[in-house]
N, C-alpha and C. Protein backbone atom coordinates (compact mmCIF):
# COMPACT_ATOMS: atom_id res chain seq x y z
N MET A 1 26.50 -49.81 0.45
CA MET A 1 27.05 -48.12 -0.06
C MET A 1 25.55 -47.19 0.68
N LEU A 2 25.87 -46.26 1.85
CA LEU A 2 23.90 -45.30 1.27
C LEU A 2 24.47 -44.46 0.86
N GLN A 3 23.32 -44.02 0.35
CA GLN A 3 23.38 -42.76 -0.82
C GLN A 3 23.31 -41.75 -0.18
N SER A 4 24.15 -40.82 -1.09
CA SER A 4 24.64 -39.69 -0.76
C SER A 4 23.31 -38.17 -0.57
N ASN A 5 23.87 -37.81 0.30
CA ASN A 5 22.42 -36.84 1.00
C ASN A 5 22.21 -35.76 -0.92
N ARG A 6 22.84 -35.59 -1.07
CA ARG A 6 22.53 -34.82 -2.61
C ARG A 6 21.62 -35.85 -3.47
N ALA A 7 21.82 -37.18 -3.60
CA ALA A 7 20.59 -38.14 -4.54
C ALA A 7 19.55 -38.36 -3.75
N ILE A 8 19.61 -38.34 -2.05
CA ILE A 8 18.30 -38.15 -1.07
C ILE A 8 17.73 -37.16 -1.54
N ARG A 9 18.38 -36.01 -1.42
CA ARG A 9 17.58 -34.10 -2.04
C ARG A 9 17.11 -34.36 -3.13
N VAL A 10 17.72 -34.54 -4.14
CA VAL A 10 16.92 -34.94 -5.57
C VAL A 10 15.87 -35.50 -5.42
N ALA A 11 16.12 -36.80 -5.67
CA ALA A 11 14.71 -38.34 -5.17
C ALA A 11 13.68 -36.46 -4.36
N ALA A 12 14.12 -36.08 -3.14
CA ALA A 12 13.29 -35.34 -2.76
C ALA A 12 12.18 -34.49 -3.46
N VAL A 13 12.85 -33.54 -4.21
CA VAL A 13 12.30 -32.63 -5.07
C VAL A 13 11.49 -33.09 -5.90
N VAL A 14 11.99 -34.41 -6.68
CA VAL A 14 11.00 -34.53 -7.49
C VAL A 14 10.12 -35.06 -7.28
N MET A 15 9.82 -35.66 -6.28
CA MET A 15 8.71 -36.38 -5.14
C MET A 15 7.55 -34.95 -5.22
N GLY A 16 8.10 -34.71 -4.13
CA GLY A 16 7.44 -33.39 -3.82
C GLY A 16 6.95 -32.30 -5.18
N VAL A 17 7.61 -32.61 -6.39
CA VAL A 17 6.80 -31.52 -7.53
C VAL A 17 5.99 -32.56 -8.83
N VAL A 18 6.53 -34.07 -7.82
CA VAL A 18 5.41 -34.90 -8.82
C VAL A 18 3.68 -34.80 -7.68
N ALA A 19 4.17 -34.94 -6.72
CA ALA A 19 3.08 -34.55 -5.80
C ALA A 19 2.13 -33.53 -5.94
N LEU A 20 3.15 -32.28 -5.96
CA LEU A 20 2.01 -31.02 -6.46
C LEU A 20 1.51 -30.70 -7.64
N ALA A 21 2.39 -31.36 -8.75
CA ALA A 21 2.00 -31.58 -9.96
C ALA A 21 0.87 -32.22 -10.20
N ILE A 22 0.60 -33.76 -9.66
CA ILE A 22 -0.64 -34.02 -9.25
C ILE A 22 -1.92 -33.22 -9.12
N ALA A 23 -1.58 -32.85 -7.75
CA ALA A 23 -2.87 -32.05 -7.13
C ALA A 23 -3.15 -30.86 -7.93
N PHE A 24 -2.23 -29.94 -8.62
CA PHE A 24 -2.52 -29.55 -9.30
C PHE A 24 -3.51 -29.28 -10.69
N GLY A 25 -2.79 -30.64 -10.84
CA GLY A 25 -3.28 -31.35 -12.46
C GLY A 25 -4.81 -31.30 -12.10
N VAL A 26 -5.23 -32.59 -10.50
CA VAL A 26 -6.69 -33.19 -10.81
C VAL A 26 -7.50 -31.63 -10.36
N ARG A 27 -6.87 -30.93 -10.11
CA ARG A 27 -7.89 -29.33 -9.88
C ARG A 27 -8.06 -28.78 -11.19
N ALA A 28 -7.07 -28.88 -12.07
CA ALA A 28 -7.03 -28.66 -13.38
C ALA A 28 -8.23 -29.12 -14.20
N VAL A 29 -8.37 -30.46 -14.17
CA VAL A 29 -8.81 -30.90 -14.39
C VAL A 29 -10.50 -31.59 -14.32
N PHE A 30 -10.53 -31.56 -12.81
CA PHE A 30 -11.93 -31.41 -12.32
C PHE A 30 -12.37 -30.13 -11.41
N GLY A 31 -12.11 -29.72 -11.29
CA GLY A 31 -12.04 -28.61 -10.66
C GLY A 31 -12.07 -27.72 -11.34
N GLY A 32 -11.22 -27.07 -12.53
CA GLY A 32 -10.91 -25.85 -13.23
C GLY A 32 -10.91 -24.43 -12.44
N ALA A 33 -10.49 -24.30 -11.06
CA ALA A 33 -9.71 -23.66 -10.25
C ALA A 33 -9.14 -23.56 -9.14
N LEU A 34 -8.63 -23.20 -8.90
CA LEU A 34 -7.33 -23.20 -7.91
C LEU A 34 -8.15 -23.59 -6.12
N TYR A 35 -9.13 -23.04 -6.36
CA TYR A 35 -9.96 -22.39 -5.08
C TYR A 35 -11.36 -23.91 -4.90
N SER A 36 -11.25 -24.49 -6.00
CA SER A 36 -12.42 -25.72 -5.92
C SER A 36 -12.24 -26.27 -4.66
N ASN A 37 -13.31 -26.87 -4.17
CA ASN A 37 -13.30 -27.26 -3.64
C ASN A 37 -14.04 -28.88 -3.15
N GLY A 38 -14.20 -29.47 -4.45
CA GLY A 38 -14.99 -30.27 -5.05
C GLY A 38 -14.64 -31.70 -3.46
N ALA A 39 -15.19 -32.71 -3.25
CA ALA A 39 -14.42 -33.90 -2.88
C ALA A 39 -13.25 -34.46 -3.33
N LEU A 40 -13.22 -34.44 -4.79
CA LEU A 40 -12.10 -35.19 -5.55
C LEU A 40 -10.82 -34.30 -4.82
N GLN A 41 -11.40 -32.94 -5.52
CA GLN A 41 -9.39 -31.99 -5.66
C GLN A 41 -9.79 -31.72 -3.85
N GLN A 42 -10.52 -31.44 -3.06
CA GLN A 42 -10.40 -31.52 -1.78
C GLN A 42 -9.51 -32.62 -1.00
N ASN A 43 -9.63 -34.08 -0.94
CA ASN A 43 -9.06 -35.24 -0.68
C ASN A 43 -8.13 -35.43 -1.51
N THR A 44 -7.71 -35.27 -2.34
CA THR A 44 -6.43 -35.71 -3.12
C THR A 44 -6.15 -34.73 -2.78
N GLY A 45 -6.16 -33.24 -2.82
CA GLY A 45 -4.88 -32.24 -2.78
C GLY A 45 -4.63 -32.20 -0.76
N THR A 46 -5.46 -32.52 0.17
CA THR A 46 -5.02 -33.02 1.25
C THR A 46 -3.96 -34.19 1.31
N ALA A 47 -4.30 -34.88 0.51
CA ALA A 47 -3.34 -36.04 0.32
C ALA A 47 -1.83 -35.81 -0.16
N LEU A 48 -1.66 -34.90 -1.61
CA LEU A 48 -0.45 -35.02 -1.97
C LEU A 48 0.15 -33.72 -1.41
N TYR A 49 -0.84 -32.89 -0.63
CA TYR A 49 -0.26 -31.79 0.71
C TYR A 49 0.86 -32.54 1.33
N ALA A 50 0.54 -33.43 2.18
CA ALA A 50 0.81 -34.40 3.04
C ALA A 50 2.56 -34.96 2.34
N SER A 51 1.81 -35.48 1.08
CA SER A 51 2.86 -36.15 0.38
C SER A 51 4.48 -35.40 -0.09
N ALA A 52 3.91 -33.93 -0.40
CA ALA A 52 4.87 -32.65 -0.41
C ALA A 52 5.48 -32.50 0.84
N VAL A 53 4.74 -32.24 1.89
CA VAL A 53 5.62 -32.42 3.21
C VAL A 53 6.33 -33.05 3.48
N TYR A 54 6.21 -33.89 3.36
CA TYR A 54 7.36 -35.50 3.82
C TYR A 54 8.90 -34.95 2.69
N ALA A 55 8.22 -34.81 1.72
CA ALA A 55 9.33 -34.56 0.79
C ALA A 55 9.88 -33.67 1.38
N ALA A 56 9.40 -32.66 1.88
CA ALA A 56 10.32 -30.97 2.04
C ALA A 56 10.96 -31.88 3.65
N VAL A 57 10.56 -32.84 4.47
CA VAL A 57 10.98 -33.20 5.71
C VAL A 57 12.64 -33.95 5.56
N VAL A 58 12.79 -34.62 4.17
CA VAL A 58 13.50 -35.35 3.63
C VAL A 58 14.92 -35.17 2.91
N PHE A 59 13.74 -33.41 2.20
CA PHE A 59 15.26 -32.63 1.74
C PHE A 59 15.47 -32.08 3.14
N VAL A 60 15.12 -31.30 4.16
CA VAL A 60 15.87 -30.55 5.11
C VAL A 60 16.88 -31.92 5.50
N ALA A 61 16.51 -33.13 5.96
CA ALA A 61 16.73 -34.76 6.69
C ALA A 61 17.01 -35.49 6.27
N PRO A 62 18.58 -35.35 4.92
CA PRO A 62 18.29 -36.35 4.41
C PRO A 62 18.59 -38.04 4.95
N ARG A 63 19.22 -37.90 5.26
CA ARG A 63 19.28 -39.35 7.04
C ARG A 63 18.53 -39.41 7.62
N CYS A 64 17.59 -38.58 8.09
CA CYS A 64 16.35 -39.37 8.77
C CYS A 64 15.95 -40.38 8.70
N PRO A 65 15.64 -41.58 9.01
CA PRO A 65 15.50 -43.02 8.88
C PRO A 65 13.36 -42.53 8.04
N PRO A 66 13.37 -43.77 7.14
CA PRO A 66 11.74 -42.75 6.52
C PRO A 66 10.29 -43.31 7.65
N VAL A 67 10.54 -43.82 8.57
CA VAL A 67 9.41 -43.45 9.44
C VAL A 67 9.33 -42.31 10.29
N VAL A 68 10.72 -42.50 10.54
CA VAL A 68 10.48 -41.00 10.85
C VAL A 68 10.55 -39.76 10.68
N ALA A 69 10.83 -39.21 9.57
CA ALA A 69 10.33 -38.58 8.40
C ALA A 69 8.64 -38.73 8.10
N GLY A 70 8.04 -39.53 8.04
CA GLY A 70 7.27 -39.59 7.95
C GLY A 70 6.01 -39.16 9.24
N LEU A 71 6.38 -39.90 10.72
CA LEU A 71 5.80 -38.99 11.70
C LEU A 71 5.97 -37.43 11.80
N VAL A 72 7.17 -36.95 11.33
CA VAL A 72 7.27 -35.80 11.13
C VAL A 72 6.61 -35.07 10.48
N ALA A 73 6.46 -35.33 9.32
CA ALA A 73 5.04 -34.93 8.11
C ALA A 73 3.89 -35.30 8.64
N ALA A 74 3.39 -35.75 9.16
CA ALA A 74 1.95 -36.27 9.60
C ALA A 74 2.02 -34.81 11.07
N ALA A 75 3.06 -35.26 11.96
CA ALA A 75 2.90 -34.05 13.13
C ALA A 75 2.98 -32.59 12.68
N TRP A 76 3.68 -31.91 11.45
CA TRP A 76 3.71 -30.83 10.66
C TRP A 76 1.64 -30.70 10.16
N CYS A 77 1.00 -31.39 8.86
CA CYS A 77 -0.08 -31.57 8.95
C CYS A 77 -1.06 -31.31 9.83
N TRP A 78 -1.34 -32.25 10.39
CA TRP A 78 -1.58 -32.17 11.82
C TRP A 78 -1.77 -30.93 12.83
N GLY A 79 -0.56 -30.42 12.57
CA GLY A 79 -0.32 -28.79 13.98
C GLY A 79 -1.09 -28.19 12.97
N VAL A 80 -1.17 -28.27 11.44
CA VAL A 80 -1.34 -26.93 10.50
C VAL A 80 -3.07 -26.95 10.64
N GLU A 81 -3.24 -27.98 10.29
CA GLU A 81 -4.91 -28.71 10.39
C GLU A 81 -5.39 -27.63 11.51
N ALA A 82 -4.98 -27.99 13.26
CA ALA A 82 -5.07 -27.70 14.21
C ALA A 82 -4.84 -26.59 14.64
N LEU A 83 -3.68 -25.61 13.59
CA LEU A 83 -4.02 -24.16 14.29
C LEU A 83 -5.06 -23.23 13.23
N GLN A 84 -5.22 -24.26 12.34
CA GLN A 84 -6.66 -23.72 11.54
C GLN A 84 -8.13 -23.34 12.60
N LEU A 85 -7.67 -23.65 13.61
CA LEU A 85 -9.26 -23.57 14.33
C LEU A 85 -8.81 -21.96 15.20
N THR A 86 -7.97 -22.02 14.74
CA THR A 86 -7.96 -20.16 15.65
C THR A 86 -8.69 -19.20 13.97
N GLY A 87 -8.49 -19.83 12.72
CA GLY A 87 -9.00 -18.29 12.33
C GLY A 87 -7.94 -18.25 11.90
N VAL A 88 -6.50 -18.27 11.89
CA VAL A 88 -5.61 -16.82 11.15
C VAL A 88 -5.13 -17.46 9.86
N PRO A 89 -4.99 -18.64 9.52
CA PRO A 89 -4.46 -19.15 8.04
C PRO A 89 -6.14 -18.60 7.31
N HIS A 90 -7.19 -18.70 8.10
CA HIS A 90 -8.20 -18.55 7.31
C HIS A 90 -7.80 -16.95 7.06
N GLU A 91 -7.54 -15.99 7.57
CA GLU A 91 -7.40 -14.67 7.59
C GLU A 91 -6.08 -14.20 7.04
N LEU A 92 -5.22 -15.24 6.73
CA LEU A 92 -3.84 -15.00 5.95
C LEU A 92 -4.21 -15.48 4.41
N SER A 93 -5.02 -16.43 4.51
CA SER A 93 -5.16 -16.72 2.93
C SER A 93 -5.97 -15.84 2.17
N ARG A 94 -7.14 -15.03 2.81
CA ARG A 94 -7.26 -13.75 2.45
C ARG A 94 -6.53 -13.02 1.56
N TYR A 95 -5.35 -12.67 1.65
CA TYR A 95 -4.24 -11.80 0.98
C TYR A 95 -3.33 -12.71 0.15
N ASN A 96 -3.03 -14.13 0.36
CA ASN A 96 -2.00 -14.40 -0.51
C ASN A 96 -2.48 -15.83 -0.66
N ILE A 97 -2.44 -15.68 -1.73
CA ILE A 97 -2.50 -17.53 -2.29
C ILE A 97 -1.94 -18.89 -1.85
N MET A 98 -0.32 -18.32 -1.41
CA MET A 98 0.20 -19.60 -1.24
C MET A 98 0.32 -19.49 0.03
N LEU A 99 -0.29 -18.35 0.90
CA LEU A 99 0.24 -18.99 2.34
C LEU A 99 -1.43 -19.66 2.52
N ARG A 100 -2.66 -19.62 1.70
CA ARG A 100 -3.93 -20.69 1.81
C ARG A 100 -3.57 -21.79 1.12
N LEU A 101 -2.45 -21.84 0.80
CA LEU A 101 -2.10 -23.08 -0.36
C LEU A 101 -0.99 -24.23 0.84
N ILE A 102 -0.58 -23.15 1.68
CA ILE A 102 0.54 -23.87 2.95
C ILE A 102 -0.21 -24.45 3.94
N PHE A 103 -1.32 -22.97 4.67
CA PHE A 103 -1.70 -23.15 5.86
C PHE A 103 -3.30 -24.00 5.44
N GLY A 104 -3.80 -23.50 4.55
CA GLY A 104 -5.20 -24.03 4.30
C GLY A 104 -5.81 -22.91 4.57
N ASP A 105 -7.36 -23.35 4.96
CA ASP A 105 -8.46 -22.12 5.19
C ASP A 105 -9.53 -22.55 6.24
N ALA A 106 -9.33 -23.89 6.86
CA ALA A 106 -10.51 -24.07 7.56
C ALA A 106 -10.19 -25.74 8.35
N PHE A 107 -10.67 -25.19 8.87
CA PHE A 107 -10.55 -27.17 9.64
C PHE A 107 -11.44 -28.07 9.16
N ASP A 108 -10.59 -29.02 8.54
CA ASP A 108 -11.97 -30.40 8.58
C ASP A 108 -10.99 -31.87 9.03
N TRP A 109 -12.53 -32.66 10.04
CA TRP A 109 -11.63 -33.48 10.22
C TRP A 109 -11.45 -35.08 9.09
N LEU A 110 -12.15 -34.82 8.16
CA LEU A 110 -11.30 -35.42 7.22
C LEU A 110 -9.96 -35.24 6.53
N ASP A 111 -9.72 -33.93 6.62
CA ASP A 111 -8.42 -33.62 6.36
C ASP A 111 -7.30 -34.26 7.25
N VAL A 112 -7.71 -34.21 8.51
CA VAL A 112 -6.65 -35.50 9.39
C VAL A 112 -6.59 -36.75 8.98
N LEU A 113 -7.63 -37.22 8.63
CA LEU A 113 -7.07 -38.73 7.71
C LEU A 113 -7.06 -38.83 6.66
N TRP A 114 -6.67 -38.12 6.05
CA TRP A 114 -6.43 -38.05 5.07
C TRP A 114 -4.62 -37.50 4.63
N TYR A 115 -4.07 -36.99 5.39
CA TYR A 115 -2.70 -36.79 5.40
C TYR A 115 -1.86 -38.03 5.51
N PRO A 116 -2.30 -38.90 6.79
CA PRO A 116 -1.49 -39.88 6.46
C PRO A 116 -1.66 -40.73 5.24
N ALA A 117 -2.38 -41.02 4.47
CA ALA A 117 -2.88 -41.44 2.98
C ALA A 117 -1.91 -41.28 1.86
N GLY A 118 -1.53 -39.91 2.67
CA GLY A 118 -0.57 -39.19 1.81
C GLY A 118 0.81 -39.60 1.88
N ILE A 119 1.45 -39.88 3.34
CA ILE A 119 1.94 -39.82 3.40
C ILE A 119 3.17 -42.09 3.73
N LEU A 120 2.44 -42.13 4.25
CA LEU A 120 2.40 -43.63 4.15
C LEU A 120 3.06 -44.22 3.26
N PRO A 121 2.54 -44.29 1.83
CA PRO A 121 3.15 -44.64 0.88
C PRO A 121 3.86 -44.53 0.36
N LEU A 122 4.13 -43.11 0.59
CA LEU A 122 5.86 -42.32 0.43
C LEU A 122 6.50 -43.49 1.40
N VAL A 123 6.72 -43.47 2.86
CA VAL A 123 6.97 -44.46 3.46
C VAL A 123 7.69 -45.73 3.17
N LEU A 124 6.50 -46.29 2.80
CA LEU A 124 6.68 -47.19 2.22
C LEU A 124 7.52 -48.26 0.76
N LEU A 125 7.31 -47.10 -0.56
CA LEU A 125 8.24 -47.22 -1.11
C LEU A 125 9.44 -47.08 -0.94
N GLU A 126 10.14 -45.90 0.46
CA GLU A 126 10.63 -45.46 0.53
C GLU A 126 11.67 -46.55 1.41
N VAL A 127 11.16 -47.29 2.26
CA VAL A 127 11.74 -48.25 2.80
C VAL A 127 12.20 -50.04 1.92
N LEU A 128 10.82 -50.16 0.64
CA LEU A 128 11.49 -51.02 -0.15
C LEU A 128 12.18 -51.15 -1.60
N ALA A 129 12.59 -49.12 -1.50
CA ALA A 129 13.61 -49.19 -2.63
C ALA A 129 15.09 -49.25 -1.97
N ARG A 130 14.94 -49.21 -0.79
CA ARG A 130 15.89 -49.14 -0.16
C ARG A 130 16.45 -50.20 -0.87
N PRO A 131 18.62 -50.11 -0.88
CA PRO A 131 18.87 -51.42 -1.44
C PRO A 131 19.17 -52.36 -0.02
N ARG A 132 19.23 -53.80 -0.55
CA ARG A 132 18.85 -54.88 0.34
C ARG A 132 20.25 -54.66 0.96
N GLY A 133 20.50 -54.69 2.61
CA GLY A 133 21.43 -55.27 3.57
C GLY A 133 22.28 -54.04 3.92
N THR A 134 21.38 -52.94 3.60
CA THR A 134 22.27 -51.29 4.18
C THR A 134 21.43 -50.84 5.19
N GLY A 135 20.67 -51.70 5.94
CA GLY A 135 19.57 -50.88 6.51
C GLY A 135 18.86 -49.24 6.63
N PRO A 136 18.42 -49.00 7.08
CA PRO A 136 17.53 -47.57 7.18
C PRO A 136 18.33 -46.35 6.96
N ARG A 137 18.07 -45.44 6.47
CA ARG A 137 19.19 -44.17 6.44
C ARG A 137 19.68 -44.19 8.07
N ARG A 138 20.01 -43.79 7.83
CA ARG A 138 21.04 -43.17 9.66
C ARG A 138 21.40 -41.65 9.60
N ILE A 139 20.72 -41.22 10.85
CA ILE A 139 21.16 -39.60 11.09
C ILE A 139 22.62 -39.22 11.19
N THR A 140 23.07 -38.95 10.20
CA THR A 140 24.81 -38.26 10.42
C THR A 140 24.98 -36.92 10.11
N SER A 141 26.18 -36.48 10.68
CA SER A 141 26.69 -35.67 10.25
C SER A 141 27.03 -34.83 8.91
N ARG A 142 27.20 -35.47 7.95
CA ARG A 142 27.31 -35.79 6.90
C ARG A 142 26.91 -35.27 5.68
């Protein structure tokens, strides 16, 4: 029997909250400030941001297969990273902390590599956690 959309969405919310809690926890314990940019804070924050984006994709499209959700999440993350080349996110981040958390501040090639590190484990976990014999989640109108 396929999981209900509600159960998938609840799991996605939990997944997103856990990812964000870990990211903010790392910054609080090792950085002391939301704007801290040490390597540990930056890299874990980037990977966990990608995890939260994956959770958001699953929440919005609960029947989307995990690999497709992972590709959509990666495309979003890489698109936001490319947008940082324009300077628009940098300017927006000066006025609103939430916009800084969503769109970042400056382009970094290392971020491009860390996004899959936050997405791949969740895709694999979802594929492995699915009940045997049910196949992948199917995109349906329900």
